[in-house]
């Protein structure tokens, strides 16, 4: 896992995401997913750029299907935004970094 990114599992979900204060970006992904691999470097860059401001978490949907099901993940990558433990938004698919930065900035603002 890249620097500044936490790998969440079903066992750690509540502590890492729901119990976290502030803004959390969760990248729902799978090993076989091409678009997930395309967006991964962007997520890593955002983790570095926003270090200390947001928490960045990755969750493998194949290894943690119960969490993916709970949040009705139909397509990956899904980038889900939480604020103080509550889901506030999500973006599905590989999107430009600028779109993700705009979303993060609006949540931090």
PDB file of N, CA and C in Angstrom:
ATOM      1  N   UNK A   1       0.854  -1.185   0.000  1.00  0.00           N
ATOM      2  CA  UNK A   1       0.000   0.000   0.000  1.00  0.00           C
ATOM      3  C   UNK A   1       0.897   1.245   0.000  1.00  0.00           C
ATOM      4  N   UNK A   2       0.493   2.228  -0.725  1.00  0.00           N
ATOM      5  CA  UNK A   2       1.286   3.446  -0.860  1.00  0.00           C
ATOM      6  C   UNK A   2       1.306   4.240   0.448  1.00  0.00           C
ATOM      7  N   UNK A   3       2.287   5.087   0.560  1.00  0.00           N
ATOM      8  CA  UNK A   3       2.445   5.932   1.741  1.00  0.00           C
ATOM      9  C   UNK A   3       1.205   6.795   1.949  1.00  0.00           C
ATOM     10  N   UNK A   4       0.726   6.842   3.181  1.00  0.00           N
ATOM     11  CA  UNK A   4      -0.420   7.686   3.509  1.00  0.00           C
ATOM     12  C   UNK A   4      -1.774   7.067   3.213  1.00  0.00           C
ATOM     13  N   UNK A   5      -1.772   5.815   2.712  1.00  0.00           N
ATOM     14  CA  UNK A   5      -3.040   5.145   2.405  1.00  0.00           C
ATOM     15  C   UNK A   5      -3.213   3.952   3.333  1.00  0.00           C
ATOM     16  N   UNK A   6      -4.393   3.845   3.913  1.00  0.00           N
ATOM     17  CA  UNK A   6      -4.702   2.751   4.822  1.00  0.00           C
ATOM     18  C   UNK A   6      -5.513   1.706   4.077  1.00  0.00           C
ATOM     19  N   UNK A   7      -5.142   0.453   4.258  1.00  0.00           N
ATOM     20  CA  UNK A   7      -5.872  -0.646   3.641  1.00  0.00           C
ATOM     21  C   UNK A   7      -6.918  -1.129   4.642  1.00  0.00           C
ATOM     22  N   UNK A   8      -8.184  -0.855   4.369  1.00  0.00           N
ATOM     23  CA  UNK A   8      -9.258  -1.240   5.289  1.00  0.00           C
ATOM     24  C   UNK A   8      -9.789  -2.628   4.953  1.00  0.00           C
ATOM     25  N   UNK A   9     -10.326  -3.278   5.974  1.00  0.00           N
ATOM     26  CA  UNK A   9     -10.994  -4.570   5.824  1.00  0.00           C
ATOM     27  C   UNK A   9     -12.318  -4.483   6.579  1.00  0.00           C
ATOM     28  N   UNK A  10     -13.109  -5.537   6.488  1.00  0.00           N
ATOM     29  CA  UNK A  10     -14.358  -5.583   7.238  1.00  0.00           C
ATOM     30  C   UNK A  10     -14.079  -5.374   8.726  1.00  0.00           C
ATOM     31  N   UNK A  11     -13.001  -5.988   9.211  1.00  0.00           N
ATOM     32  CA  UNK A  11     -12.668  -5.916  10.636  1.00  0.00           C
ATOM     33  C   UNK A  11     -12.263  -4.508  11.077  1.00  0.00           C
ATOM     34  N   UNK A  12     -11.647  -3.739  10.179  1.00  0.00           N
ATOM     35  CA  UNK A  12     -11.145  -2.412  10.569  1.00  0.00           C
ATOM     36  C   UNK A  12     -12.018  -1.264  10.068  1.00  0.00           C
ATOM     37  N   UNK A  13     -13.064  -1.569   9.301  1.00  0.00           N
ATOM     38  CA  UNK A  13     -13.901  -0.543   8.667  1.00  0.00           C
ATOM     39  C   UNK A  13     -14.414   0.506   9.654  1.00  0.00           C
ATOM     40  N   UNK A  14     -15.060   0.049  10.730  1.00  0.00           N
ATOM     41  CA  UNK A  14     -15.659   0.998  11.672  1.00  0.00           C
ATOM     42  C   UNK A  14     -14.606   1.914  12.295  1.00  0.00           C
ATOM     43  N   UNK A  15     -13.460   1.361  12.660  1.00  0.00           N
ATOM     44  CA  UNK A  15     -12.406   2.164  13.284  1.00  0.00           C
ATOM     45  C   UNK A  15     -11.772   3.132  12.282  1.00  0.00           C
ATOM     46  N   UNK A  16     -11.513   2.655  11.066  1.00  0.00           N
ATOM     47  CA  UNK A  16     -10.791   3.471  10.077  1.00  0.00           C
ATOM     48  C   UNK A  16     -11.661   4.505   9.377  1.00  0.00           C
ATOM     49  N   UNK A  17     -12.947   4.182   9.167  1.00  0.00           N
ATOM     50  CA  UNK A  17     -13.809   5.065   8.376  1.00  0.00           C
ATOM     51  C   UNK A  17     -14.920   5.701   9.217  1.00  0.00           C
ATOM     52  N   UNK A  18     -15.766   4.874   9.805  1.00  0.00           N
ATOM     53  CA  UNK A  18     -16.934   5.387  10.534  1.00  0.00           C
ATOM     54  C   UNK A  18     -16.500   6.158  11.782  1.00  0.00           C
ATOM     55  N   UNK A  19     -15.475   5.673  12.463  1.00  0.00           N
ATOM     56  CA  UNK A  19     -15.012   6.317  13.691  1.00  0.00           C
ATOM     57  C   UNK A  19     -14.033   7.456  13.462  1.00  0.00           C
ATOM     58  N   UNK A  20     -13.640   7.658  12.216  1.00  0.00           N
ATOM     59  CA  UNK A  20     -12.662   8.709  11.914  1.00  0.00           C
ATOM     60  C   UNK A  20     -13.353  10.070  11.871  1.00  0.00           C
ATOM     61  N   UNK A  21     -12.730  11.051  12.467  1.00  0.00           N
ATOM     62  CA  UNK A  21     -13.252  12.407  12.374  1.00  0.00           C
ATOM     63  C   UNK A  21     -12.778  13.034  11.072  1.00  0.00           C
ATOM     64  N   UNK A  22     -13.507  14.036  10.617  1.00  0.00           N
ATOM     65  CA  UNK A  22     -13.088  14.738   9.412  1.00  0.00           C
ATOM     66  C   UNK A  22     -13.447  14.000   8.135  1.00  0.00           C
ATOM     67  N   UNK A  23     -12.700  14.308   7.062  1.00  0.00           N
ATOM     68  CA  UNK A  23     -12.999  13.788   5.731  1.00  0.00           C
ATOM     69  C   UNK A  23     -12.190  12.517   5.468  1.00  0.00           C
ATOM     70  N   UNK A  24     -12.902  11.485   4.991  1.00  0.00           N
ATOM     71  CA  UNK A  24     -12.262  10.231   4.606  1.00  0.00           C
ATOM     72  C   UNK A  24     -12.645   9.919   3.160  1.00  0.00           C
ATOM     73  N   UNK A  25     -11.641   9.659   2.333  1.00  0.00           N
ATOM     74  CA  UNK A  25     -11.853   9.219   0.945  1.00  0.00           C
ATOM     75  C   UNK A  25     -11.616   7.718   0.910  1.00  0.00           C
ATOM     76  N   UNK A  26     -12.630   6.962   0.492  1.00  0.00           N
ATOM     77  CA  UNK A  26     -12.495   5.508   0.389  1.00  0.00           C
ATOM     78  C   UNK A  26     -12.514   5.106  -1.072  1.00  0.00           C
ATOM     79  N   UNK A  27     -11.476   4.395  -1.480  1.00  0.00           N
ATOM     80  CA  UNK A  27     -11.361   3.868  -2.845  1.00  0.00           C
ATOM     81  C   UNK A  27     -11.762   2.399  -2.808  1.00  0.00           C
ATOM     82  N   UNK A  28     -12.955   2.094  -3.341  1.00  0.00           N
ATOM     83  CA  UNK A  28     -13.410   0.710  -3.470  1.00  0.00           C
ATOM     84  C   UNK A  28     -12.841   0.173  -4.778  1.00  0.00           C
ATOM     85  N   UNK A  29     -12.071  -0.914  -4.727  1.00  0.00           N
ATOM     86  CA  UNK A  29     -11.346  -1.407  -5.890  1.00  0.00           C
ATOM     87  C   UNK A  29     -11.252  -2.936  -5.863  1.00  0.00           C
ATOM     88  N   UNK A  30     -10.695  -3.492  -6.953  1.00  0.00           N
ATOM     89  CA  UNK A  30     -10.385  -4.920  -7.028  1.00  0.00           C
ATOM     90  C   UNK A  30      -9.160  -5.094  -7.931  1.00  0.00           C
ATOM     91  N   UNK A  31      -8.429  -6.171  -7.703  1.00  0.00           N
ATOM     92  CA  UNK A  31      -7.182  -6.437  -8.427  1.00  0.00           C
ATOM     93  C   UNK A  31      -7.400  -6.512  -9.941  1.00  0.00           C
ATOM     94  N   UNK A  32      -8.505  -7.128 -10.362  1.00  0.00           N
ATOM     95  CA  UNK A  32      -8.756  -7.384 -11.784  1.00  0.00           C
ATOM     96  C   UNK A  32      -9.306  -6.163 -12.533  1.00  0.00           C
ATOM     97  N   UNK A  33      -9.561  -5.063 -11.833  1.00  0.00           N
ATOM     98  CA  UNK A  33     -10.260  -3.902 -12.402  1.00  0.00           C
ATOM     99  C   UNK A  33      -9.284  -2.925 -13.061  1.00  0.00           C
ATOM    100  N   UNK A  34      -9.353  -2.822 -14.387  1.00  0.00           N
ATOM    101  CA  UNK A  34      -8.492  -1.911 -15.143  1.00  0.00           C
ATOM    102  C   UNK A  34      -8.645  -0.450 -14.741  1.00  0.00           C
ATOM    103  N   UNK A  35      -9.875   0.078 -14.726  1.00  0.00           N
ATOM    104  CA  UNK A  35     -10.061   1.471 -14.309  1.00  0.00           C
ATOM    105  C   UNK A  35      -9.575   1.737 -12.880  1.00  0.00           C
ATOM    106  N   UNK A  36      -9.642   0.720 -12.011  1.00  0.00           N
ATOM    107  CA  UNK A  36      -9.128   0.876 -10.642  1.00  0.00           C
ATOM    108  C   UNK A  36      -7.625   1.138 -10.677  1.00  0.00           C
ATOM    109  N   UNK A  37      -6.929   0.409 -11.556  1.00  0.00           N
ATOM    110  CA  UNK A  37      -5.480   0.600 -11.693  1.00  0.00           C
ATOM    111  C   UNK A  37      -5.177   1.979 -12.291  1.00  0.00           C
ATOM    112  N   UNK A  38      -6.072   2.474 -13.148  1.00  0.00           N
ATOM    113  CA  UNK A  38      -5.881   3.796 -13.745  1.00  0.00           C
ATOM    114  C   UNK A  38      -6.011   4.906 -12.701  1.00  0.00           C
ATOM    115  N   UNK A  39      -6.941   4.763 -11.777  1.00  0.00           N
ATOM    116  CA  UNK A  39      -7.202   5.817 -10.795  1.00  0.00           C
ATOM    117  C   UNK A  39      -6.273   5.711  -9.573  1.00  0.00           C
ATOM    118  N   UNK A  40      -5.656   4.557  -9.361  1.00  0.00           N
ATOM    119  CA  UNK A  40      -4.811   4.342  -8.173  1.00  0.00           C
ATOM    120  C   UNK A  40      -3.695   5.379  -8.011  1.00  0.00           C
ATOM    121  N   UNK A  41      -2.934   5.715  -9.074  1.00  0.00           N
ATOM    122  CA  UNK A  41      -1.884   6.732  -8.897  1.00  0.00           C
ATOM    123  C   UNK A  41      -2.444   8.091  -8.483  1.00  0.00           C
ATOM    124  N   UNK A  42      -3.626   8.434  -8.983  1.00  0.00           N
ATOM    125  CA  UNK A  42      -4.274   9.698  -8.609  1.00  0.00           C
ATOM    126  C   UNK A  42      -4.628   9.687  -7.127  1.00  0.00           C
ATOM    127  N   UNK A  43      -5.177   8.564  -6.656  1.00  0.00           N
ATOM    128  CA  UNK A  43      -5.538   8.439  -5.240  1.00  0.00           C
ATOM    129  C   UNK A  43      -4.281   8.563  -4.377  1.00  0.00           C
ATOM    130  N   UNK A  44      -3.177   7.952  -4.832  1.00  0.00           N
ATOM    131  CA  UNK A  44      -1.913   8.040  -4.094  1.00  0.00           C
ATOM    132  C   UNK A  44      -1.402   9.481  -4.037  1.00  0.00           C
ATOM    133  N   UNK A  45      -1.514  10.200  -5.161  1.00  0.00           N
ATOM    134  CA  UNK A  45      -1.098  11.610  -5.189  1.00  0.00           C
ATOM    135  C   UNK A  45      -1.944  12.445  -4.226  1.00  0.00           C
ATOM    136  N   UNK A  46      -3.249  12.198  -4.215  1.00  0.00           N
ATOM    137  CA  UNK A  46      -4.140  12.944  -3.320  1.00  0.00           C
ATOM    138  C   UNK A  46      -3.808  12.654  -1.858  1.00  0.00           C
ATOM    139  N   UNK A  47      -3.467  11.403  -1.546  1.00  0.00           N
ATOM    140  CA  UNK A  47      -3.106  11.043  -0.171  1.00  0.00           C
ATOM    141  C   UNK A  47      -1.897  11.855   0.289  1.00  0.00           C
ATOM    142  N   UNK A  48      -0.934  12.048  -0.613  1.00  0.00           N
ATOM    143  CA  UNK A  48       0.258  12.835  -0.270  1.00  0.00           C
ATOM    144  C   UNK A  48      -0.073  14.327  -0.183  1.00  0.00           C
ATOM    145  N   UNK A  49      -0.817  14.826  -1.163  1.00  0.00           N
ATOM    146  CA  UNK A  49      -1.141  16.262  -1.208  1.00  0.00           C
ATOM    147  C   UNK A  49      -1.987  16.714  -0.024  1.00  0.00           C
ATOM    148  N   UNK A  50      -2.884  15.836   0.423  1.00  0.00           N
ATOM    149  CA  UNK A  50      -3.808  16.202   1.495  1.00  0.00           C
ATOM    150  C   UNK A  50      -3.445  15.537   2.826  1.00  0.00           C
ATOM    151  N   UNK A  51      -2.192  15.108   2.951  1.00  0.00           N
ATOM    152  CA  UNK A  51      -1.739  14.465   4.184  1.00  0.00           C
ATOM    153  C   UNK A  51      -1.984  15.395   5.362  1.00  0.00           C
ATOM    154  N   UNK A  52      -2.592  14.851   6.419  1.00  0.00           N
ATOM    155  CA  UNK A  52      -2.902  15.657   7.594  1.00  0.00           C
ATOM    156  C   UNK A  52      -4.234  16.386   7.499  1.00  0.00           C
ATOM    157  N   UNK A  53      -4.831  16.404   6.297  1.00  0.00           N
ATOM    158  CA  UNK A  53      -6.119  17.081   6.107  1.00  0.00           C
ATOM    159  C   UNK A  53      -7.254  16.084   5.910  1.00  0.00           C
ATOM    160  N   UNK A  54      -6.974  15.008   5.155  1.00  0.00           N
ATOM    161  CA  UNK A  54      -7.977  13.957   4.948  1.00  0.00           C
ATOM    162  C   UNK A  54      -7.320  12.605   5.189  1.00  0.00           C
ATOM    163  N   UNK A  55      -8.157  11.601   5.360  1.00  0.00           N
ATOM    164  CA  UNK A  55      -7.686  10.222   5.491  1.00  0.00           C
ATOM    165  C   UNK A  55      -8.048   9.511   4.196  1.00  0.00           C
ATOM    166  N   UNK A  56      -7.115   8.744   3.644  1.00  0.00           N
ATOM    167  CA  UNK A  56      -7.366   8.003   2.406  1.00  0.00           C
ATOM    168  C   UNK A  56      -7.292   6.511   2.719  1.00  0.00           C
ATOM    169  N   UNK A  57      -8.375   5.814   2.347  1.00  0.00           N
ATOM    170  CA  UNK A  57      -8.530   4.392   2.657  1.00  0.00           C
ATOM    171  C   UNK A  57      -8.858   3.642   1.376  1.00  0.00           C
ATOM    172  N   UNK A  58      -8.266   2.453   1.216  1.00  0.00           N
ATOM    173  CA  UNK A  58      -8.618   1.586   0.091  1.00  0.00           C
ATOM    174  C   UNK A  58      -9.286   0.338   0.644  1.00  0.00           C
ATOM    175  N   UNK A  59     -10.333  -0.122  -0.049  1.00  0.00           N
ATOM    176  CA  UNK A  59     -11.026  -1.342   0.365  1.00  0.00           C
ATOM    177  C   UNK A  59     -11.196  -2.244  -0.850  1.00  0.00           C
ATOM    178  N   UNK A  60     -10.617  -3.441  -0.778  1.00  0.00           N
ATOM    179  CA  UNK A  60     -10.729  -4.419  -1.849  1.00  0.00           C
ATOM    180  C   UNK A  60     -12.114  -5.065  -1.765  1.00  0.00           C
ATOM    181  N   UNK A  61     -12.933  -4.845  -2.806  1.00  0.00           N
ATOM    182  CA  UNK A  61     -14.320  -5.322  -2.779  1.00  0.00           C
ATOM    183  C   UNK A  61     -14.421  -6.843  -2.871  1.00  0.00           C
ATOM    184  N   UNK A  62     -13.425  -7.490  -3.494  1.00  0.00           N
ATOM    185  CA  UNK A  62     -13.441  -8.956  -3.576  1.00  0.00           C
ATOM    186  C   UNK A  62     -13.177  -9.589  -2.211  1.00  0.00           C
ATOM    187  N   UNK A  63     -12.299  -8.953  -1.436  1.00  0.00           N
ATOM    188  CA  UNK A  63     -11.938  -9.497  -0.128  1.00  0.00           C
ATOM    189  C   UNK A  63     -12.896  -9.071   0.982  1.00  0.00           C
ATOM    190  N   UNK A  64     -13.693  -8.033   0.727  1.00  0.00           N
ATOM    191  CA  UNK A  64     -14.608  -7.491   1.738  1.00  0.00           C
ATOM    192  C   UNK A  64     -15.987  -7.236   1.131  1.00  0.00           C
ATOM    193  N   UNK A  65     -16.644  -8.291   0.614  1.00  0.00           N
ATOM    194  CA  UNK A  65     -17.909  -8.103  -0.105  1.00  0.00           C
ATOM    195  C   UNK A  65     -19.042  -7.559   0.763  1.00  0.00           C
ATOM    196  N   UNK A  66     -18.990  -7.812   2.065  1.00  0.00           N
ATOM    197  CA  UNK A  66     -20.063  -7.330   2.943  1.00  0.00           C
ATOM    198  C   UNK A  66     -20.089  -5.801   3.025  1.00  0.00           C
ATOM    199  N   UNK A  67     -18.925  -5.172   3.059  1.00  0.00           N
ATOM    200  CA  UNK A  67     -18.876  -3.699   3.091  1.00  0.00           C
ATOM    201  C   UNK A  67     -19.335  -3.149   1.735  1.00  0.00           C
ATOM    202  N   UNK A  68     -18.851  -3.757   0.646  1.00  0.00           N
ATOM    203  CA  UNK A  68     -19.264  -3.320  -0.699  1.00  0.00           C
ATOM    204  C   UNK A  68     -20.785  -3.430  -0.846  1.00  0.00           C
ATOM    205  N   UNK A  69     -21.354  -4.503  -0.333  1.00  0.00           N
ATOM    206  CA  UNK A  69     -22.798  -4.716  -0.409  1.00  0.00           C
ATOM    207  C   UNK A  69     -23.548  -3.697   0.454  1.00  0.00           C
ATOM    208  N   UNK A  70     -23.040  -3.435   1.647  1.00  0.00           N
ATOM    209  CA  UNK A  70     -23.682  -2.479   2.563  1.00  0.00           C
ATOM    210  C   UNK A  70     -23.820  -1.105   1.919  1.00  0.00           C
ATOM    211  N   UNK A  71     -22.813  -0.707   1.140  1.00  0.00           N
ATOM    212  CA  UNK A  71     -22.836   0.613   0.504  1.00  0.00           C
ATOM    213  C   UNK A  71     -23.302   0.550  -0.953  1.00  0.00           C
ATOM    214  N   UNK A  72     -23.852  -0.603  -1.337  1.00  0.00           N
ATOM    215  CA  UNK A  72     -24.449  -0.792  -2.671  1.00  0.00           C
ATOM    216  C   UNK A  72     -23.486  -0.417  -3.796  1.00  0.00           C
ATOM    217  N   UNK A  73     -22.256  -0.919  -3.701  1.00  0.00           N
ATOM    218  CA  UNK A  73     -21.254  -0.691  -4.732  1.00  0.00           C
ATOM    219  C   UNK A  73     -21.614  -1.548  -5.940  1.00  0.00           C
ATOM    220  N   UNK A  74     -21.973  -0.898  -7.050  1.00  0.00           N
ATOM    221  CA  UNK A  74     -22.380  -1.608  -8.263  1.00  0.00           C
ATOM    222  C   UNK A  74     -21.279  -1.615  -9.318  1.00  0.00           C
ATOM    223  N   UNK A  75     -20.394  -0.629  -9.242  1.00  0.00           N
ATOM    224  CA  UNK A  75     -19.301  -0.535 -10.205  1.00  0.00           C
ATOM    225  C   UNK A  75     -18.062  -0.011  -9.500  1.00  0.00           C
ATOM    226  N   UNK A  76     -16.915  -0.470  -9.963  1.00  0.00           N
ATOM    227  CA  UNK A  76     -15.666   0.026  -9.387  1.00  0.00           C
ATOM    228  C   UNK A  76     -14.771   0.547 -10.498  1.00  0.00           C
ATOM    229  N   UNK A  77     -13.915   1.512 -10.210  1.00  0.00           N
ATOM    230  CA  UNK A  77     -13.723   2.069  -8.878  1.00  0.00           C
ATOM    231  C   UNK A  77     -14.880   2.972  -8.452  1.00  0.00           C
ATOM    232  N   UNK A  78     -15.219   2.882  -7.176  1.00  0.00           N
ATOM    233  CA  UNK A  78     -16.119   3.845  -6.559  1.00  0.00           C
ATOM    234  C   UNK A  78     -15.304   4.582  -5.515  1.00  0.00           C
ATOM    235  N   UNK A  79     -15.299   5.891  -5.605  1.00  0.00           N
ATOM    236  CA  UNK A  79     -14.608   6.731  -4.635  1.00  0.00           C
ATOM    237  C   UNK A  79     -15.681   7.377  -3.778  1.00  0.00           C
ATOM    238  N   UNK A  80     -15.715   6.963  -2.515  1.00  0.00           N
ATOM    239  CA  UNK A  80     -16.774   7.406  -1.616  1.00  0.00           C
ATOM    240  C   UNK A  80     -16.192   8.369  -0.581  1.00  0.00           C
ATOM    241  N   UNK A  81     -16.938   9.414  -0.300  1.00  0.00           N
ATOM    242  CA  UNK A  81     -16.494  10.441   0.640  1.00  0.00           C
ATOM    243  C   UNK A  81     -17.323  10.380   1.915  1.00  0.00           C
ATOM    244  N   UNK A  82     -16.626  10.341   3.042  1.00  0.00           N
ATOM    245  CA  UNK A  82     -17.271  10.353   4.350  1.00  0.00           C
ATOM    246  C   UNK A  82     -16.811  11.592   5.097  1.00  0.00           C
ATOM    247  N   UNK A  83     -17.716  12.165   5.889  1.00  0.00           N
ATOM    248  CA  UNK A  83     -17.348  13.284   6.749  1.00  0.00           C
ATOM    249  C   UNK A  83     -17.888  12.977   8.134  1.00  0.00           C
ATOM    250  N   UNK A  84     -16.976  12.911   9.102  1.00  0.00           N
ATOM    251  CA  UNK A  84     -17.329  12.586  10.489  1.00  0.00           C
ATOM    252  C   UNK A  84     -18.166  11.304  10.567  1.00  0.00           C
ATOM    253  N   UNK A  85     -17.769  10.303   9.769  1.00  0.00           N
ATOM    254  CA  UNK A  85     -18.403   8.992   9.831  1.00  0.00           C
ATOM    255  C   UNK A  85     -19.645   8.815   8.972  1.00  0.00           C
ATOM    256  N   UNK A  86     -20.084   9.867   8.302  1.00  0.00           N
ATOM    257  CA  UNK A  86     -21.283   9.790   7.470  1.00  0.00           C
ATOM    258  C   UNK A  86     -20.923   9.887   5.997  1.00  0.00           C
ATOM    259  N   UNK A  87     -21.519   9.029   5.174  1.00  0.00           N
ATOM    260  CA  UNK A  87     -21.303   9.104   3.732  1.00  0.00           C
ATOM    261  C   UNK A  87     -21.929  10.389   3.216  1.00  0.00           C
ATOM    262  N   UNK A  88     -21.134  11.182   2.494  1.00  0.00           N
ATOM    263  CA  UNK A  88     -21.653  12.448   1.982  1.00  0.00           C
ATOM    264  C   UNK A  88     -21.704  12.506   0.461  1.00  0.00           C
ATOM    265  N   UNK A  89     -20.899  11.675  -0.217  1.00  0.00           N
ATOM    266  CA  UNK A  89     -20.901  11.708  -1.679  1.00  0.00           C
ATOM    267  C   UNK A  89     -20.127  10.514  -2.220  1.00  0.00           C
ATOM    268  N   UNK A  90     -20.256  10.288  -3.534  1.00  0.00           N
ATOM    269  CA  UNK A  90     -19.452   9.261  -4.182  1.00  0.00           C
ATOM    270  C   UNK A  90     -19.320   9.573  -5.660  1.00  0.00           C
ATOM    271  N   UNK A  91     -18.224   9.076  -6.216  1.00  0.00           N
ATOM    272  CA  UNK A  91     -17.962   9.198  -7.648  1.00  0.00           C
ATOM    273  C   UNK A  91     -17.629   7.798  -8.143  1.00  0.00           C
ATOM    274  N   UNK A  92     -18.289   7.384  -9.223  1.00  0.00           N
ATOM    275  CA  UNK A  92     -18.041   6.051  -9.778  1.00  0.00           C
ATOM    276  C   UNK A  92     -17.258   6.183 -11.079  1.00  0.00           C
ATOM    277  N   UNK A  93     -16.216   5.385 -11.209  1.00  0.00           N
ATOM    278  CA  UNK A  93     -15.410   5.385 -12.423  1.00  0.00           C
ATOM    279  C   UNK A  93     -14.127   6.163 -12.257  1.00  0.00           C
ATOM    280  N   UNK A  94     -13.243   5.993 -13.226  1.00  0.00           N
ATOM    281  CA  UNK A  94     -11.977   6.725 -13.232  1.00  0.00           C
ATOM    282  C   UNK A  94     -12.254   8.142 -13.709  1.00  0.00           C
ATOM    283  N   UNK A  95     -12.012   9.101 -12.836  1.00  0.00           N
ATOM    284  CA  UNK A  95     -12.291  10.502 -13.156  1.00  0.00           C
ATOM    285  C   UNK A  95     -11.001  11.311 -13.047  1.00  0.00           C
ATOM    286  N   UNK A  96     -10.980  12.499 -13.650  1.00  0.00           N
ATOM    287  CA  UNK A  96      -9.780  13.339 -13.574  1.00  0.00           C
ATOM    288  C   UNK A  96      -9.474  13.759 -12.139  1.00  0.00           C
ATOM    289  N   UNK A  97      -8.195  13.938 -11.868  1.00  0.00           N
ATOM    290  CA  UNK A  97      -7.751  14.365 -10.542  1.00  0.00           C
ATOM    291  C   UNK A  97      -8.421  15.668 -10.123  1.00  0.00           C
ATOM    292  N   UNK A  98      -8.607  16.584 -11.077  1.00  0.00           N
ATOM    293  CA  UNK A  98      -9.204  17.883 -10.762  1.00  0.00           C
ATOM    294  C   UNK A  98     -10.609  17.723 -10.171  1.00  0.00           C
ATOM    295  N   UNK A  99     -11.355  16.749 -10.665  1.00  0.00           N
ATOM    296  CA  UNK A  99     -12.710  16.517 -10.160  1.00  0.00           C
ATOM    297  C   UNK A  99     -12.666  16.039  -8.703  1.00  0.00           C
ATOM    298  N   UNK A 100     -11.699  15.180  -8.398  1.00  0.00           N
ATOM    299  CA  UNK A 100     -11.559  14.686  -7.025  1.00  0.00           C
ATOM    300  C   UNK A 100     -11.077  15.796  -6.093  1.00  0.00           C
ATOM    301  N   UNK A 101     -10.142  16.614  -6.573  1.00  0.00           N
ATOM    302  CA  UNK A 101      -9.647  17.739  -5.766  1.00  0.00           C
ATOM    303  C   UNK A 101     -10.774  18.720  -5.460  1.00  0.00           C
ATOM    304  N   UNK A 102     -11.620  19.014  -6.446  1.00  0.00           N
ATOM    305  CA  UNK A 102     -12.746  19.920  -6.232  1.00  0.00           C
ATOM    306  C   UNK A 102     -13.672  19.395  -5.145  1.00  0.00           C
ATOM    307  N   UNK A 103     -13.932  18.088  -5.200  1.00  0.00           N
ATOM    308  CA  UNK A 103     -14.810  17.459  -4.216  1.00  0.00           C
ATOM    309  C   UNK A 103     -14.191  17.533  -2.812  1.00  0.00           C
ATOM    310  N   UNK A 104     -12.907  17.203  -2.708  1.00  0.00           N
ATOM    311  CA  UNK A 104     -12.228  17.239  -1.409  1.00  0.00           C
ATOM    312  C   UNK A 104     -12.200  18.655  -0.866  1.00  0.00           C
ATOM    313  N   UNK A 105     -11.852  19.611  -1.727  1.00  0.00           N
ATOM    314  CA  UNK A 105     -11.787  21.009  -1.286  1.00  0.00           C
ATOM    315  C   UNK A 105     -13.141  21.513  -0.787  1.00  0.00           C
ATOM    316  N   UNK A 106     -14.203  21.102  -1.459  1.00  0.00           N
ATOM    317  CA  UNK A 106     -15.538  21.548  -1.029  1.00  0.00           C
ATOM    318  C   UNK A 106     -15.900  20.933   0.330  1.00  0.00           C
ATOM    319  N   UNK A 107     -15.469  19.686   0.574  1.00  0.00           N
ATOM    320  CA  UNK A 107     -15.754  19.035   1.857  1.00  0.00           C
ATOM    321  C   UNK A 107     -14.900  19.636   2.980  1.00  0.00           C
ATOM    322  N   UNK A 108     -13.694  20.036   2.649  1.00  0.00           N
ATOM    323  CA  UNK A 108     -12.820  20.659   3.651  1.00  0.00           C
ATOM    324  C   UNK A 108     -13.231  22.099   3.940  1.00  0.00           C
ATOM    325  N   UNK A 109     -13.796  22.737   2.906  1.00  0.00           N
ATOM    326  CA  UNK A 109     -14.176  24.141   3.040  1.00  0.00           C
ATOM    327  C   UNK A 109     -15.329  24.301   3.979  1.00  0.00           C
TER     328      UNK A 109
END
